[in-house]
Amino acid sequence: VQLVESGGGLVQPGGSLRLSCVASGFAHSNVDMSWYRQASGKERELVAGITSTGAGTNYADSVKGRFTISRDTAKDTVYLQMNSLKPEDTAVYYCKAYSRQSGRTYWGQGTQVTVSS
């Protein structure tokens, strides 16, 4: 199983970025996906999650109304659309997959998002 994130970078406050996470190696589609982030000197925190079917989503209070998580099951890809970015959104963003079938959790390598003028 492999998770590969992309789409991070440097953006000005108020700007937008879209992160992508491509999952490969799963033998089934019963996988919940989520995005976490970890700012320097802080603990990793949940940003947003989406169920295997895409029917259910959840968000951290700090990103509600600004971020949107979605998935394209045909492409085995989950997205995080981030709008109205703030300097406090600066962090390394990680993709996480949870297999409901095996109960195992998998992490990507992370992608850096920096919000600064």
N, C-alpha and C. Protein backbone atom coordinates (compact mmCIF):
# COMPACT_ATOMS: atom_id res chain seq x y z
N VAL A 1 0.85 -1.19 0.00
CA VAL A 1 0.00 0.00 0.00
C VAL A 1 0.88 1.24 0.00
N GLN A 2 0.50 2.19 -0.82
CA GLN A 2 1.27 3.44 -0.91
C GLN A 2 0.33 4.62 -1.03
N LEU A 3 0.63 5.68 -0.30
CA LEU A 3 -0.12 6.93 -0.40
C LEU A 3 0.87 8.01 -0.83
N VAL A 4 0.54 8.73 -1.89
CA VAL A 4 1.42 9.77 -2.39
C VAL A 4 0.67 11.08 -2.47
N GLU A 5 1.11 12.05 -1.65
CA GLU A 5 0.48 13.37 -1.66
C GLU A 5 1.18 14.30 -2.62
N SER A 6 0.44 15.27 -3.09
CA SER A 6 1.01 16.33 -3.93
C SER A 6 0.13 17.56 -3.82
N GLY A 7 0.65 18.68 -4.33
CA GLY A 7 -0.14 19.90 -4.37
C GLY A 7 0.22 20.95 -3.36
N GLY A 8 1.14 20.64 -2.46
CA GLY A 8 1.55 21.64 -1.47
C GLY A 8 2.39 22.73 -2.11
N GLY A 9 2.67 23.76 -1.32
CA GLY A 9 3.49 24.85 -1.82
C GLY A 9 3.34 26.10 -0.98
N LEU A 10 3.83 27.19 -1.54
CA LEU A 10 3.76 28.50 -0.88
C LEU A 10 2.62 29.30 -1.48
N VAL A 11 1.78 29.85 -0.63
CA VAL A 11 0.63 30.63 -1.10
C VAL A 11 0.44 31.82 -0.17
N GLN A 12 -0.08 32.90 -0.72
CA GLN A 12 -0.34 34.09 0.09
C GLN A 12 -1.61 33.92 0.91
N PRO A 13 -1.72 34.63 2.02
CA PRO A 13 -2.98 34.58 2.79
C PRO A 13 -4.16 34.94 1.91
N GLY A 14 -5.24 34.18 2.08
CA GLY A 14 -6.42 34.36 1.25
C GLY A 14 -6.42 33.53 -0.01
N GLY A 15 -5.32 32.90 -0.31
CA GLY A 15 -5.20 32.10 -1.51
C GLY A 15 -5.76 30.69 -1.34
N SER A 16 -5.59 29.89 -2.40
CA SER A 16 -6.13 28.53 -2.43
C SER A 16 -5.07 27.53 -2.89
N LEU A 17 -5.24 26.32 -2.43
CA LEU A 17 -4.44 25.18 -2.89
C LEU A 17 -5.33 23.96 -2.90
N ARG A 18 -4.99 23.01 -3.77
CA ARG A 18 -5.68 21.73 -3.74
C ARG A 18 -4.65 20.62 -3.57
N LEU A 19 -4.79 19.87 -2.51
CA LEU A 19 -3.93 18.73 -2.27
C LEU A 19 -4.56 17.47 -2.85
N SER A 20 -3.70 16.58 -3.31
CA SER A 20 -4.16 15.29 -3.84
C SER A 20 -3.41 14.18 -3.13
N CYS A 21 -4.09 13.07 -2.97
CA CYS A 21 -3.47 11.87 -2.39
C CYS A 21 -3.92 10.68 -3.21
N VAL A 22 -2.95 10.04 -3.86
CA VAL A 22 -3.25 8.85 -4.66
C VAL A 22 -2.92 7.62 -3.84
N ALA A 23 -3.89 6.74 -3.71
CA ALA A 23 -3.71 5.50 -2.95
C ALA A 23 -3.56 4.33 -3.91
N SER A 24 -2.60 3.47 -3.63
CA SER A 24 -2.39 2.30 -4.48
C SER A 24 -2.09 1.09 -3.60
N GLY A 25 -2.45 -0.07 -4.10
CA GLY A 25 -2.13 -1.30 -3.39
C GLY A 25 -3.25 -1.89 -2.56
N PHE A 26 -4.39 -1.17 -2.49
CA PHE A 26 -5.51 -1.73 -1.75
C PHE A 26 -6.23 -2.74 -2.63
N ALA A 27 -6.62 -3.86 -1.99
CA ALA A 27 -7.31 -4.91 -2.73
C ALA A 27 -8.81 -4.68 -2.75
N HIS A 28 -9.26 -3.67 -2.03
CA HIS A 28 -10.68 -3.39 -1.96
C HIS A 28 -10.87 -1.89 -1.84
N SER A 29 -12.10 -1.44 -1.92
CA SER A 29 -12.38 -0.01 -1.86
C SER A 29 -12.95 0.44 -0.53
N ASN A 30 -13.00 -0.45 0.45
CA ASN A 30 -13.60 -0.13 1.74
C ASN A 30 -12.57 0.56 2.64
N VAL A 31 -12.18 1.74 2.20
CA VAL A 31 -11.11 2.48 2.87
C VAL A 31 -11.56 3.90 3.17
N ASP A 32 -11.52 4.28 4.44
CA ASP A 32 -11.80 5.66 4.83
C ASP A 32 -10.51 6.47 4.67
N MET A 33 -10.66 7.71 4.20
CA MET A 33 -9.50 8.55 3.97
C MET A 33 -9.62 9.82 4.79
N SER A 34 -8.47 10.39 5.15
CA SER A 34 -8.49 11.64 5.89
C SER A 34 -7.20 12.41 5.66
N TRP A 35 -7.28 13.68 5.98
CA TRP A 35 -6.12 14.56 5.94
C TRP A 35 -5.82 15.03 7.36
N TYR A 36 -4.55 14.97 7.70
CA TYR A 36 -4.05 15.49 8.96
C TYR A 36 -3.01 16.57 8.64
N ARG A 37 -2.68 17.35 9.63
CA ARG A 37 -1.59 18.30 9.46
C ARG A 37 -0.81 18.41 10.76
N GLN A 38 0.45 18.79 10.59
CA GLN A 38 1.32 18.97 11.74
C GLN A 38 2.16 20.21 11.54
N ALA A 39 1.90 21.22 12.36
CA ALA A 39 2.69 22.44 12.32
C ALA A 39 3.94 22.24 13.17
N SER A 40 4.94 23.04 12.90
CA SER A 40 6.20 22.93 13.62
C SER A 40 5.99 23.10 15.12
N GLY A 41 6.45 22.14 15.88
CA GLY A 41 6.34 22.20 17.33
C GLY A 41 4.99 21.81 17.89
N LYS A 42 4.08 21.36 17.03
CA LYS A 42 2.74 20.99 17.48
C LYS A 42 2.44 19.54 17.14
N GLU A 43 1.39 19.04 17.76
CA GLU A 43 0.98 17.66 17.49
C GLU A 43 0.20 17.58 16.18
N ARG A 44 0.23 16.41 15.60
CA ARG A 44 -0.54 16.18 14.39
C ARG A 44 -2.03 16.23 14.73
N GLU A 45 -2.80 16.88 13.86
CA GLU A 45 -4.23 17.03 14.12
C GLU A 45 -5.04 16.68 12.88
N LEU A 46 -6.24 16.19 13.11
CA LEU A 46 -7.16 15.88 12.02
C LEU A 46 -7.67 17.16 11.39
N VAL A 47 -7.64 17.18 10.06
CA VAL A 47 -8.18 18.31 9.31
C VAL A 47 -9.55 17.97 8.73
N ALA A 48 -9.63 16.83 8.05
CA ALA A 48 -10.89 16.43 7.42
C ALA A 48 -10.84 14.94 7.11
N GLY A 49 -12.02 14.32 7.10
CA GLY A 49 -12.10 12.91 6.79
C GLY A 49 -13.28 12.63 5.88
N ILE A 50 -13.20 11.51 5.15
CA ILE A 50 -14.28 11.12 4.25
C ILE A 50 -14.40 9.60 4.28
N THR A 51 -15.63 9.12 4.28
CA THR A 51 -15.85 7.68 4.34
C THR A 51 -15.54 7.01 3.01
N SER A 52 -15.53 5.69 3.02
CA SER A 52 -15.16 4.92 1.83
C SER A 52 -16.06 5.22 0.64
N THR A 53 -17.34 5.49 0.93
CA THR A 53 -18.28 5.76 -0.16
C THR A 53 -18.33 7.24 -0.54
N GLY A 54 -17.76 8.07 0.31
CA GLY A 54 -17.83 9.52 0.10
C GLY A 54 -19.09 10.14 0.65
N ALA A 55 -19.92 9.32 1.26
CA ALA A 55 -21.21 9.83 1.74
C ALA A 55 -21.07 10.65 3.01
N GLY A 56 -20.03 10.39 3.79
CA GLY A 56 -19.85 11.09 5.05
C GLY A 56 -18.53 11.84 5.09
N THR A 57 -18.58 13.07 5.61
CA THR A 57 -17.37 13.86 5.77
C THR A 57 -17.38 14.51 7.15
N ASN A 58 -16.21 14.86 7.63
CA ASN A 58 -16.11 15.61 8.87
C ASN A 58 -14.91 16.54 8.78
N TYR A 59 -14.98 17.63 9.53
CA TYR A 59 -13.96 18.66 9.46
C TYR A 59 -13.60 19.18 10.85
N ALA A 60 -12.36 19.60 11.00
CA ALA A 60 -11.96 20.33 12.19
C ALA A 60 -12.68 21.68 12.18
N ASP A 61 -13.02 22.18 13.34
CA ASP A 61 -13.72 23.46 13.43
C ASP A 61 -12.92 24.58 12.76
N SER A 62 -11.62 24.49 12.85
CA SER A 62 -10.77 25.56 12.34
C SER A 62 -10.79 25.68 10.81
N VAL A 63 -11.27 24.65 10.12
CA VAL A 63 -11.27 24.69 8.65
C VAL A 63 -12.66 24.63 8.05
N LYS A 64 -13.67 24.48 8.87
CA LYS A 64 -15.04 24.40 8.35
C LYS A 64 -15.39 25.64 7.55
N GLY A 65 -15.99 25.42 6.39
CA GLY A 65 -16.37 26.53 5.53
C GLY A 65 -15.25 27.00 4.62
N ARG A 66 -14.04 26.53 4.84
CA ARG A 66 -12.89 26.93 4.01
C ARG A 66 -12.30 25.75 3.23
N PHE A 67 -12.30 24.57 3.85
CA PHE A 67 -11.71 23.38 3.23
C PHE A 67 -12.82 22.41 2.83
N THR A 68 -12.56 21.67 1.75
CA THR A 68 -13.49 20.65 1.30
C THR A 68 -12.73 19.39 0.94
N ILE A 69 -13.14 18.27 1.53
CA ILE A 69 -12.54 16.99 1.20
C ILE A 69 -13.45 16.25 0.22
N SER A 70 -12.85 15.58 -0.74
CA SER A 70 -13.62 14.82 -1.71
C SER A 70 -12.77 13.65 -2.19
N ARG A 71 -13.41 12.72 -2.90
CA ARG A 71 -12.64 11.59 -3.41
C ARG A 71 -13.20 11.16 -4.76
N ASP A 72 -12.30 10.65 -5.56
CA ASP A 72 -12.64 10.08 -6.86
C ASP A 72 -12.25 8.61 -6.78
N THR A 73 -13.24 7.75 -6.58
CA THR A 73 -12.93 6.34 -6.37
C THR A 73 -12.37 5.70 -7.64
N ALA A 74 -12.75 6.20 -8.79
CA ALA A 74 -12.23 5.64 -10.04
C ALA A 74 -10.74 5.89 -10.18
N LYS A 75 -10.26 6.98 -9.58
CA LYS A 75 -8.84 7.33 -9.65
C LYS A 75 -8.10 7.00 -8.36
N ASP A 76 -8.82 6.43 -7.37
CA ASP A 76 -8.20 6.10 -6.07
C ASP A 76 -7.51 7.33 -5.49
N THR A 77 -8.18 8.45 -5.60
CA THR A 77 -7.58 9.72 -5.18
C THR A 77 -8.52 10.47 -4.24
N VAL A 78 -7.94 11.07 -3.23
CA VAL A 78 -8.70 11.94 -2.33
C VAL A 78 -8.09 13.34 -2.43
N TYR A 79 -8.95 14.33 -2.36
CA TYR A 79 -8.54 15.71 -2.53
C TYR A 79 -8.85 16.53 -1.28
N LEU A 80 -8.09 17.59 -1.10
CA LEU A 80 -8.41 18.58 -0.08
C LEU A 80 -8.31 19.95 -0.73
N GLN A 81 -9.47 20.54 -0.99
CA GLN A 81 -9.51 21.88 -1.54
C GLN A 81 -9.45 22.87 -0.38
N MET A 82 -8.44 23.72 -0.40
CA MET A 82 -8.23 24.66 0.70
C MET A 82 -8.37 26.09 0.17
N ASN A 83 -9.37 26.79 0.66
CA ASN A 83 -9.61 28.17 0.27
C ASN A 83 -9.42 29.11 1.46
N SER A 84 -9.30 30.38 1.17
CA SER A 84 -9.16 31.40 2.22
C SER A 84 -8.08 31.01 3.23
N LEU A 85 -6.95 30.61 2.70
CA LEU A 85 -5.88 30.12 3.56
C LEU A 85 -5.34 31.21 4.47
N LYS A 86 -4.96 30.77 5.67
CA LYS A 86 -4.43 31.66 6.70
C LYS A 86 -3.02 31.22 7.08
N PRO A 87 -2.23 32.12 7.63
CA PRO A 87 -0.88 31.72 8.07
C PRO A 87 -0.91 30.54 9.05
N GLU A 88 -1.94 30.46 9.86
CA GLU A 88 -2.02 29.35 10.81
C GLU A 88 -2.34 28.01 10.16
N ASP A 89 -2.62 28.01 8.88
CA ASP A 89 -2.79 26.75 8.14
C ASP A 89 -1.44 26.16 7.71
N THR A 90 -0.38 26.90 7.94
CA THR A 90 0.95 26.41 7.57
C THR A 90 1.29 25.15 8.35
N ALA A 91 1.64 24.10 7.63
CA ALA A 91 1.92 22.81 8.25
C ALA A 91 2.34 21.81 7.17
N VAL A 92 2.79 20.65 7.63
CA VAL A 92 2.94 19.51 6.72
C VAL A 92 1.61 18.77 6.75
N TYR A 93 1.05 18.53 5.58
CA TYR A 93 -0.24 17.87 5.47
C TYR A 93 -0.02 16.41 5.07
N TYR A 94 -0.66 15.52 5.82
CA TYR A 94 -0.52 14.08 5.60
C TYR A 94 -1.85 13.45 5.21
N CYS A 95 -1.77 12.51 4.32
CA CYS A 95 -2.92 11.71 3.93
C CYS A 95 -2.89 10.42 4.75
N LYS A 96 -4.06 10.03 5.23
CA LYS A 96 -4.17 8.79 6.00
C LYS A 96 -5.28 7.92 5.43
N ALA A 97 -5.00 6.63 5.38
CA ALA A 97 -6.00 5.67 4.92
C ALA A 97 -6.26 4.66 6.02
N TYR A 98 -7.52 4.36 6.24
CA TYR A 98 -7.90 3.33 7.21
C TYR A 98 -8.69 2.25 6.48
N SER A 99 -8.14 1.06 6.52
CA SER A 99 -8.82 -0.07 5.87
C SER A 99 -9.82 -0.68 6.84
N ARG A 100 -11.08 -0.62 6.49
CA ARG A 100 -12.11 -1.22 7.35
C ARG A 100 -12.00 -2.74 7.34
N GLN A 101 -11.45 -3.28 6.28
CA GLN A 101 -11.37 -4.74 6.16
C GLN A 101 -10.28 -5.31 7.07
N SER A 102 -9.11 -4.65 7.11
CA SER A 102 -7.99 -5.18 7.89
C SER A 102 -7.80 -4.47 9.23
N GLY A 103 -8.38 -3.26 9.35
CA GLY A 103 -8.18 -2.47 10.56
C GLY A 103 -6.84 -1.78 10.60
N ARG A 104 -6.11 -1.78 9.49
CA ARG A 104 -4.80 -1.16 9.46
C ARG A 104 -4.87 0.28 8.97
N THR A 105 -3.90 1.06 9.41
CA THR A 105 -3.79 2.47 9.05
C THR A 105 -2.51 2.70 8.27
N TYR A 106 -2.61 3.55 7.26
CA TYR A 106 -1.46 3.85 6.41
C TYR A 106 -1.32 5.37 6.29
N TRP A 107 -0.07 5.84 6.20
CA TRP A 107 0.20 7.27 6.09
C TRP A 107 1.03 7.57 4.84
N GLY A 108 0.79 8.75 4.28
CA GLY A 108 1.64 9.24 3.22
C GLY A 108 2.86 9.94 3.81
N GLN A 109 3.71 10.45 2.92
CA GLN A 109 4.97 11.06 3.37
C GLN A 109 4.81 12.52 3.75
N GLY A 110 3.68 13.13 3.37
CA GLY A 110 3.42 14.52 3.73
C GLY A 110 3.79 15.49 2.64
N THR A 111 3.08 16.61 2.62
CA THR A 111 3.39 17.69 1.69
C THR A 111 3.31 19.01 2.44
N GLN A 112 4.28 19.87 2.21
CA GLN A 112 4.38 21.13 2.97
C GLN A 112 3.45 22.18 2.36
N VAL A 113 2.68 22.81 3.24
CA VAL A 113 1.86 23.96 2.86
C VAL A 113 2.33 25.15 3.69
N THR A 114 2.71 26.22 3.02
CA THR A 114 3.16 27.42 3.70
C THR A 114 2.31 28.60 3.24
N VAL A 115 1.69 29.27 4.20
CA VAL A 115 0.85 30.42 3.90
C VAL A 115 1.55 31.66 4.46
N SER A 116 2.03 32.48 3.54
CA SER A 116 2.83 33.63 3.97
C SER A 116 2.84 34.69 2.88
N SER A 117 2.91 35.94 3.29
CA SER A 117 3.03 37.02 2.32
C SER A 117 4.49 37.39 2.10
